Amino acid sequence: MSGRYPVLLDVSRLRVLVVGGGEVGLRKVSGVLEAGGKPDVVAFEVRPELERLIAQRGLTWAQRPYAAGDVRGYHLVFAATDAAEVNARVTAEAEAAGALVNVADDGEESTFHVPSAIRRDEVVVAFSTGGASPLLSRRLRERLESVVTPGLGRTAGRLSTVRKQIRDRWPADEARRRDVWFSLVTPEFLDAAIAGRDAEVEQRIARCLSQS
């Protein structure tokens, strides 16, 4: 039985530290930024791509080697250097400070893992094969991308507005609101969203609201 508990974190509300400025550090910083966070970086040197990203996004970069106490006050810590002994120090101090830590190339020492993810606006699908097979993960991603489309993401964003309309129209009638949702989000509605048929999605929304 897997000991991993899947969870989506709002990193915009968490303090995040990335230790390391190489390829792995770049990937971790990029992932946190994509999710709405603003990580700090500790590294003596960083890749040119990461240096540009730091400048463009106004990130804090401590341009020096990792030092004891750097992890204090952070919620998530990425030990992303190419030196195992440095990653081990970061890990031990992060755990002692109560932070969750992800260790580059060492899943056994990590207290959290970053799964593969597909982002389409409001829709985020994260998945992991537990390292069983990189090819399995790739094939699974290809299959999911046929369903988790840009059109689905646009529809999810549109439904955020619809949710407010439904709440405003029936503020005290939860059963009515539930019925409206079930009449709107049908398999056919989902098919139209996945296919990117935005006009049909809008027609179905308008028809549902007018008939409710």
C-alpha atoms as a PDB file:
ATOM      1  CA  MET A   1       0.000   0.000   0.000  1.00  0.00           C
ATOM      2  CA  SER A   2       1.352   3.422  -0.957  1.00  0.00           C
ATOM      3  CA  GLY A   3       2.223   5.703   1.952  1.00  0.00           C
ATOM      4  CA  ARG A   4       1.728   8.845  -0.127  1.00  0.00           C
ATOM      5  CA  TYR A   5      -1.187  11.176   0.425  1.00  0.00           C
ATOM      6  CA  PRO A   6      -2.188  13.233  -2.645  1.00  0.00           C
ATOM      7  CA  VAL A   7      -2.831  16.912  -1.972  1.00  0.00           C
ATOM      8  CA  LEU A   8      -2.914  20.222  -3.898  1.00  0.00           C
ATOM      9  CA  LEU A   9      -1.217  23.100  -2.081  1.00  0.00           C
ATOM     10  CA  ASP A  10      -1.873  26.812  -2.447  1.00  0.00           C
ATOM     11  CA  VAL A  11       1.785  27.787  -2.695  1.00  0.00           C
ATOM     12  CA  SER A  12       0.867  31.466  -3.018  1.00  0.00           C
ATOM     13  CA  ARG A  13       0.249  31.344   0.750  1.00  0.00           C
ATOM     14  CA  LEU A  14       3.381  29.374   1.644  1.00  0.00           C
ATOM     15  CA  ARG A  15       7.040  30.316   1.989  1.00  0.00           C
ATOM     16  CA  VAL A  16       9.048  28.204  -0.432  1.00  0.00           C
ATOM     17  CA  LEU A  17      12.826  27.784  -0.637  1.00  0.00           C
ATOM     18  CA  VAL A  18      14.810  26.225  -3.479  1.00  0.00           C
ATOM     19  CA  VAL A  19      18.421  25.357  -2.645  1.00  0.00           C
ATOM     20  CA  GLY A  20      20.372  24.876  -5.865  1.00  0.00           C
ATOM     21  CA  GLY A  21      20.619  26.692  -9.170  1.00  0.00           C
ATOM     22  CA  GLY A  22      21.163  23.916 -11.710  1.00  0.00           C
ATOM     23  CA  GLU A  23      18.731  22.132 -14.002  1.00  0.00           C
ATOM     24  CA  VAL A  24      16.767  20.657 -11.096  1.00  0.00           C
ATOM     25  CA  GLY A  25      16.631  23.997  -9.296  1.00  0.00           C
ATOM     26  CA  LEU A  26      15.352  25.659 -12.459  1.00  0.00           C
ATOM     27  CA  ARG A  27      12.644  23.042 -12.809  1.00  0.00           C
ATOM     28  CA  LYS A  28      11.532  23.416  -9.184  1.00  0.00           C
ATOM     29  CA  VAL A  29      11.442  27.224  -9.354  1.00  0.00           C
ATOM     30  CA  SER A  30       9.493  27.118 -12.617  1.00  0.00           C
ATOM     31  CA  GLY A  31       6.957  24.690 -11.174  1.00  0.00           C
ATOM     32  CA  VAL A  32       6.338  26.795  -8.072  1.00  0.00           C
ATOM     33  CA  LEU A  33       5.954  29.945 -10.174  1.00  0.00           C
ATOM     34  CA  GLU A  34       3.507  28.208 -12.501  1.00  0.00           C
ATOM     35  CA  ALA A  35       1.409  27.275  -9.480  1.00  0.00           C
ATOM     36  CA  GLY A  36       1.283  30.873  -8.254  1.00  0.00           C
ATOM     37  CA  GLY A  37       4.082  30.791  -5.681  1.00  0.00           C
ATOM     38  CA  LYS A  38       7.160  32.975  -5.322  1.00  0.00           C
ATOM     39  CA  PRO A  39      10.109  30.872  -4.172  1.00  0.00           C
ATOM     40  CA  ASP A  40      13.352  32.163  -2.711  1.00  0.00           C
ATOM     41  CA  VAL A  41      16.606  30.742  -4.065  1.00  0.00           C
ATOM     42  CA  VAL A  42      19.897  29.933  -2.364  1.00  0.00           C
ATOM     43  CA  ALA A  43      22.746  29.080  -4.738  1.00  0.00           C
ATOM     44  CA  PHE A  44      26.267  30.291  -5.379  1.00  0.00           C
ATOM     45  CA  GLU A  45      25.641  30.017  -9.128  1.00  0.00           C
ATOM     46  CA  VAL A  46      22.479  29.570 -11.183  1.00  0.00           C
ATOM     47  CA  ARG A  47      21.826  28.637 -14.789  1.00  0.00           C
ATOM     48  CA  PRO A  48      21.340  31.598 -17.155  1.00  0.00           C
ATOM     49  CA  GLU A  49      17.684  30.630 -17.637  1.00  0.00           C
ATOM     50  CA  LEU A  50      17.122  30.687 -13.892  1.00  0.00           C
ATOM     51  CA  GLU A  51      18.947  33.991 -13.495  1.00  0.00           C
ATOM     52  CA  ARG A  52      16.631  35.532 -16.099  1.00  0.00           C
ATOM     53  CA  LEU A  53      13.609  34.083 -14.330  1.00  0.00           C
ATOM     54  CA  ILE A  54      14.787  35.496 -10.993  1.00  0.00           C
ATOM     55  CA  ALA A  55      15.156  38.951 -12.531  1.00  0.00           C
ATOM     56  CA  GLN A  56      11.876  38.841 -14.452  1.00  0.00           C
ATOM     57  CA  ARG A  57       9.788  37.656 -11.491  1.00  0.00           C
ATOM     58  CA  GLY A  58      11.577  39.632  -8.783  1.00  0.00           C
ATOM     59  CA  LEU A  59      12.638  36.592  -6.777  1.00  0.00           C
ATOM     60  CA  THR A  60      14.976  36.750  -3.798  1.00  0.00           C
ATOM     61  CA  TRP A  61      18.326  35.097  -4.570  1.00  0.00           C
ATOM     62  CA  ALA A  62      20.962  34.544  -1.896  1.00  0.00           C
ATOM     63  CA  GLN A  63      24.043  34.273  -4.109  1.00  0.00           C
ATOM     64  CA  ARG A  64      26.151  32.043  -1.879  1.00  0.00           C
ATOM     65  CA  PRO A  65      26.394  28.414  -0.752  1.00  0.00           C
ATOM     66  CA  TYR A  66      23.752  27.038   1.598  1.00  0.00           C
ATOM     67  CA  ALA A  67      24.286  28.006   5.230  1.00  0.00           C
ATOM     68  CA  ALA A  68      22.882  26.614   8.464  1.00  0.00           C
ATOM     69  CA  GLY A  69      19.581  28.225   9.326  1.00  0.00           C
ATOM     70  CA  ASP A  70      18.599  29.097   5.753  1.00  0.00           C
ATOM     71  CA  VAL A  71      15.514  26.876   5.967  1.00  0.00           C
ATOM     72  CA  ARG A  72      14.110  28.619   9.039  1.00  0.00           C
ATOM     73  CA  GLY A  73      10.607  29.999   8.482  1.00  0.00           C
ATOM     74  CA  TYR A  74       9.866  28.099   5.273  1.00  0.00           C
ATOM     75  CA  HIS A  75       6.986  25.689   4.715  1.00  0.00           C
ATOM     76  CA  LEU A  76       8.322  23.884   1.625  1.00  0.00           C
ATOM     77  CA  VAL A  77      12.005  23.294   0.914  1.00  0.00           C
ATOM     78  CA  PHE A  78      13.543  21.850  -2.245  1.00  0.00           C
ATOM     79  CA  ALA A  79      17.024  20.376  -1.756  1.00  0.00           C
ATOM     80  CA  ALA A  80      18.056  20.639  -5.397  1.00  0.00           C
ATOM     81  CA  THR A  81      21.848  20.823  -5.469  1.00  0.00           C
ATOM     82  CA  ASP A  82      24.120  18.315  -7.210  1.00  0.00           C
ATOM     83  CA  ALA A  83      25.955  17.597  -3.939  1.00  0.00           C
ATOM     84  CA  ALA A  84      24.476  14.765  -1.879  1.00  0.00           C
ATOM     85  CA  GLU A  85      26.052  16.009   1.359  1.00  0.00           C
ATOM     86  CA  VAL A  86      24.527  19.468   0.923  1.00  0.00           C
ATOM     87  CA  ASN A  87      21.111  18.004   0.155  1.00  0.00           C
ATOM     88  CA  ALA A  88      21.399  15.848   3.276  1.00  0.00           C
ATOM     89  CA  ARG A  89      22.121  18.931   5.429  1.00  0.00           C
ATOM     90  CA  VAL A  90      19.219  20.838   3.906  1.00  0.00           C
ATOM     91  CA  THR A  91      16.919  17.864   4.465  1.00  0.00           C
ATOM     92  CA  ALA A  92      17.896  17.355   8.104  1.00  0.00           C
ATOM     93  CA  GLU A  93      17.544  21.046   8.946  1.00  0.00           C
ATOM     94  CA  ALA A  94      14.268  21.427   7.058  1.00  0.00           C
ATOM     95  CA  GLU A  95      12.721  18.471   8.866  1.00  0.00           C
ATOM     96  CA  ALA A  96      13.980  19.754  12.223  1.00  0.00           C
ATOM     97  CA  ALA A  97      12.418  23.139  11.440  1.00  0.00           C
ATOM     98  CA  GLY A  98       9.058  21.527  10.644  1.00  0.00           C
ATOM     99  CA  ALA A  99       9.184  22.092   6.893  1.00  0.00           C
ATOM    100  CA  LEU A 100       8.277  19.618   4.175  1.00  0.00           C
ATOM    101  CA  VAL A 101      11.258  18.777   1.986  1.00  0.00           C
ATOM    102  CA  ASN A 102      11.728  17.426  -1.514  1.00  0.00           C
ATOM    103  CA  VAL A 103      15.172  15.983  -2.231  1.00  0.00           C
ATOM    104  CA  ALA A 104      16.539  15.880  -5.769  1.00  0.00           C
ATOM    105  CA  ASP A 105      16.842  12.299  -7.037  1.00  0.00           C
ATOM    106  CA  ASP A 106      16.077  10.798  -3.626  1.00  0.00           C
ATOM    107  CA  GLY A 107      12.440   9.926  -3.174  1.00  0.00           C
ATOM    108  CA  GLU A 108      13.106   7.920  -0.026  1.00  0.00           C
ATOM    109  CA  GLU A 109      14.398  10.975   1.846  1.00  0.00           C
ATOM    110  CA  SER A 110      11.693  13.329   0.574  1.00  0.00           C
ATOM    111  CA  THR A 111       8.681  14.075   2.757  1.00  0.00           C
ATOM    112  CA  PHE A 112       6.721  15.279  -0.277  1.00  0.00           C
ATOM    113  CA  HIS A 113       6.860  14.482  -3.962  1.00  0.00           C
ATOM    114  CA  VAL A 114       5.913  16.602  -6.952  1.00  0.00           C
ATOM    115  CA  PRO A 115       3.755  14.561  -9.340  1.00  0.00           C
ATOM    116  CA  SER A 116       3.391  15.085 -13.064  1.00  0.00           C
ATOM    117  CA  ALA A 117       0.695  17.661 -13.699  1.00  0.00           C
ATOM    118  CA  ILE A 118      -1.461  18.939 -16.540  1.00  0.00           C
ATOM    119  CA  ARG A 119      -2.722  22.516 -16.123  1.00  0.00           C
ATOM    120  CA  ARG A 120      -5.570  23.958 -18.128  1.00  0.00           C
ATOM    121  CA  ASP A 121      -6.593  27.224 -16.480  1.00  0.00           C
ATOM    122  CA  GLU A 122      -8.743  26.228 -13.496  1.00  0.00           C
ATOM    123  CA  VAL A 123      -8.294  22.498 -14.106  1.00  0.00           C
ATOM    124  CA  VAL A 124      -5.241  20.788 -12.622  1.00  0.00           C
ATOM    125  CA  VAL A 125      -4.723  17.038 -12.905  1.00  0.00           C
ATOM    126  CA  ALA A 126      -1.758  15.576 -11.035  1.00  0.00           C
ATOM    127  CA  PHE A 127      -0.665  11.955 -11.290  1.00  0.00           C
ATOM    128  CA  SER A 128       2.158   9.633 -10.343  1.00  0.00           C
ATOM    129  CA  THR A 129       3.169   6.107 -11.218  1.00  0.00           C
ATOM    130  CA  GLY A 130       5.411   5.847  -8.166  1.00  0.00           C
ATOM    131  CA  GLY A 131       8.481   5.637 -10.365  1.00  0.00           C
ATOM    132  CA  ALA A 132       7.306   2.302 -11.747  1.00  0.00           C
ATOM    133  CA  SER A 133       7.988   3.222 -15.352  1.00  0.00           C
ATOM    134  CA  PRO A 134       8.822   6.504 -17.089  1.00  0.00           C
ATOM    135  CA  LEU A 135       7.162   5.191 -20.247  1.00  0.00           C
ATOM    136  CA  LEU A 136       3.972   4.353 -18.350  1.00  0.00           C
ATOM    137  CA  SER A 137       3.923   7.902 -16.992  1.00  0.00           C
ATOM    138  CA  ARG A 138       4.409   9.310 -20.490  1.00  0.00           C
ATOM    139  CA  ARG A 139       1.634   7.168 -21.980  1.00  0.00           C
ATOM    140  CA  LEU A 140      -0.686   8.081 -19.135  1.00  0.00           C
ATOM    141  CA  ARG A 141       0.006  11.771 -19.691  1.00  0.00           C
ATOM    142  CA  GLU A 142      -0.771  11.408 -23.394  1.00  0.00           C
ATOM    143  CA  ARG A 143      -4.077   9.746 -22.563  1.00  0.00           C
ATOM    144  CA  LEU A 144      -5.023  12.381 -19.990  1.00  0.00           C
ATOM    145  CA  GLU A 145      -4.117  15.252 -22.306  1.00  0.00           C
ATOM    146  CA  SER A 146      -6.787  14.041 -24.714  1.00  0.00           C
ATOM    147  CA  VAL A 147      -9.364  14.716 -21.998  1.00  0.00           C
ATOM    148  CA  VAL A 148      -7.832  17.575 -20.007  1.00  0.00           C
ATOM    149  CA  THR A 149      -7.909  20.052 -22.897  1.00  0.00           C
ATOM    150  CA  PRO A 150      -7.695  23.853 -23.125  1.00  0.00           C
ATOM    151  CA  GLY A 151     -11.420  23.837 -23.842  1.00  0.00           C
ATOM    152  CA  LEU A 152     -12.088  22.051 -20.565  1.00  0.00           C
ATOM    153  CA  GLY A 153      -9.986  24.655 -18.771  1.00  0.00           C
ATOM    154  CA  ARG A 154     -11.958  27.506 -20.359  1.00  0.00           C
ATOM    155  CA  THR A 155     -15.228  25.869 -19.380  1.00  0.00           C
ATOM    156  CA  ALA A 156     -14.091  25.458 -15.773  1.00  0.00           C
ATOM    157  CA  GLY A 157     -13.296  29.170 -15.640  1.00  0.00           C
ATOM    158  CA  ARG A 158     -16.700  29.977 -17.126  1.00  0.00           C
ATOM    159  CA  LEU A 159     -18.438  27.813 -14.533  1.00  0.00           C
ATOM    160  CA  SER A 160     -16.880  29.903 -11.771  1.00  0.00           C
ATOM    161  CA  THR A 161     -19.078  32.778 -12.984  1.00  0.00           C
ATOM    162  CA  VAL A 162     -22.080  30.501 -13.368  1.00  0.00           C
ATOM    163  CA  ARG A 163     -21.641  29.313  -9.783  1.00  0.00           C
ATOM    164  CA  LYS A 164     -22.035  32.887  -8.529  1.00  0.00           C
ATOM    165  CA  GLN A 165     -25.129  33.389 -10.686  1.00  0.00           C
ATOM    166  CA  ILE A 166     -26.733  30.241  -9.310  1.00  0.00           C
ATOM    167  CA  ARG A 167     -25.909  31.172  -5.724  1.00  0.00           C
ATOM    168  CA  ASP A 168     -27.320  34.681  -6.189  1.00  0.00           C
ATOM    169  CA  ARG A 169     -30.525  33.367  -7.748  1.00  0.00           C
ATOM    170  CA  TRP A 170     -31.239  30.687  -5.126  1.00  0.00           C
ATOM    171  CA  PRO A 171     -29.245  31.719  -2.035  1.00  0.00           C
ATOM    172  CA  ALA A 172     -31.321  29.670   0.414  1.00  0.00           C
ATOM    173  CA  ASP A 173     -32.297  26.701  -1.766  1.00  0.00           C
ATOM    174  CA  GLU A 174     -29.436  24.226  -1.829  1.00  0.00           C
ATOM    175  CA  ALA A 175     -31.550  21.475  -3.378  1.00  0.00           C
ATOM    176  CA  ARG A 176     -32.502  23.746  -6.281  1.00  0.00           C
ATOM    177  CA  ARG A 177     -28.890  24.730  -6.858  1.00  0.00           C
ATOM    178  CA  ARG A 178     -27.865  21.068  -6.907  1.00  0.00           C
ATOM    179  CA  ASP A 179     -30.593  20.236  -9.441  1.00  0.00           C
ATOM    180  CA  VAL A 180     -29.436  23.050 -11.710  1.00  0.00           C
ATOM    181  CA  TRP A 181     -25.882  21.757 -11.654  1.00  0.00           C
ATOM    182  CA  PHE A 182     -26.967  18.212 -12.471  1.00  0.00           C
ATOM    183  CA  SER A 183     -29.078  19.435 -15.357  1.00  0.00           C
ATOM    184  CA  LEU A 184     -26.177  21.497 -16.719  1.00  0.00           C
ATOM    185  CA  VAL A 185     -23.052  19.358 -16.292  1.00  0.00           C
ATOM    186  CA  THR A 186     -24.135  16.332 -18.289  1.00  0.00           C
ATOM    187  CA  PRO A 187     -21.911  13.956 -20.276  1.00  0.00           C
ATOM    188  CA  GLU A 188     -22.881  15.895 -23.397  1.00  0.00           C
ATOM    189  CA  PHE A 189     -21.848  19.188 -21.760  1.00  0.00           C
ATOM    190  CA  LEU A 190     -18.525  17.635 -20.787  1.00  0.00           C
ATOM    191  CA  ASP A 191     -17.976  16.373 -24.344  1.00  0.00           C
ATOM    192  CA  ALA A 192     -18.552  19.877 -25.704  1.00  0.00           C
ATOM    193  CA  ALA A 193     -16.111  21.345 -23.178  1.00  0.00           C
ATOM    194  CA  ILE A 194     -13.374  18.800 -23.931  1.00  0.00           C
ATOM    195  CA  ALA A 195     -13.793  19.341 -27.672  1.00  0.00           C
ATOM    196  CA  GLY A 196     -13.479  23.107 -27.207  1.00  0.00           C
ATOM    197  CA  ARG A 197     -16.932  23.855 -28.579  1.00  0.00           C
ATOM    198  CA  ASP A 198     -17.262  27.072 -26.586  1.00  0.00           C
ATOM    199  CA  ALA A 199     -20.378  28.281 -28.411  1.00  0.00           C
ATOM    200  CA  GLU A 200     -22.211  25.069 -27.562  1.00  0.00           C
ATOM    201  CA  VAL A 201     -21.069  25.329 -23.946  1.00  0.00           C
ATOM    202  CA  GLU A 202     -22.514  28.852 -23.762  1.00  0.00           C
ATOM    203  CA  GLN A 203     -25.772  27.723 -25.359  1.00  0.00           C
ATOM    204  CA  ARG A 204     -26.168  24.931 -22.840  1.00  0.00           C
ATOM    205  CA  ILE A 205     -25.454  27.298 -19.944  1.00  0.00           C
ATOM    206  CA  ALA A 206     -27.968  29.863 -21.191  1.00  0.00           C
ATOM    207  CA  ARG A 207     -30.635  27.212 -21.817  1.00  0.00           C
ATOM    208  CA  CYS A 208     -30.159  25.640 -18.415  1.00  0.00           C
ATOM    209  CA  LEU A 209     -30.389  28.951 -16.561  1.00  0.00           C
ATOM    210  CA  SER A 210     -33.440  30.100 -18.545  1.00  0.00           C
ATOM    211  CA  GLN A 211     -35.315  26.854 -17.904  1.00  0.00           C
ATOM    212  CA  SER A 212     -34.483  26.628 -14.200  1.00  0.00           C
END
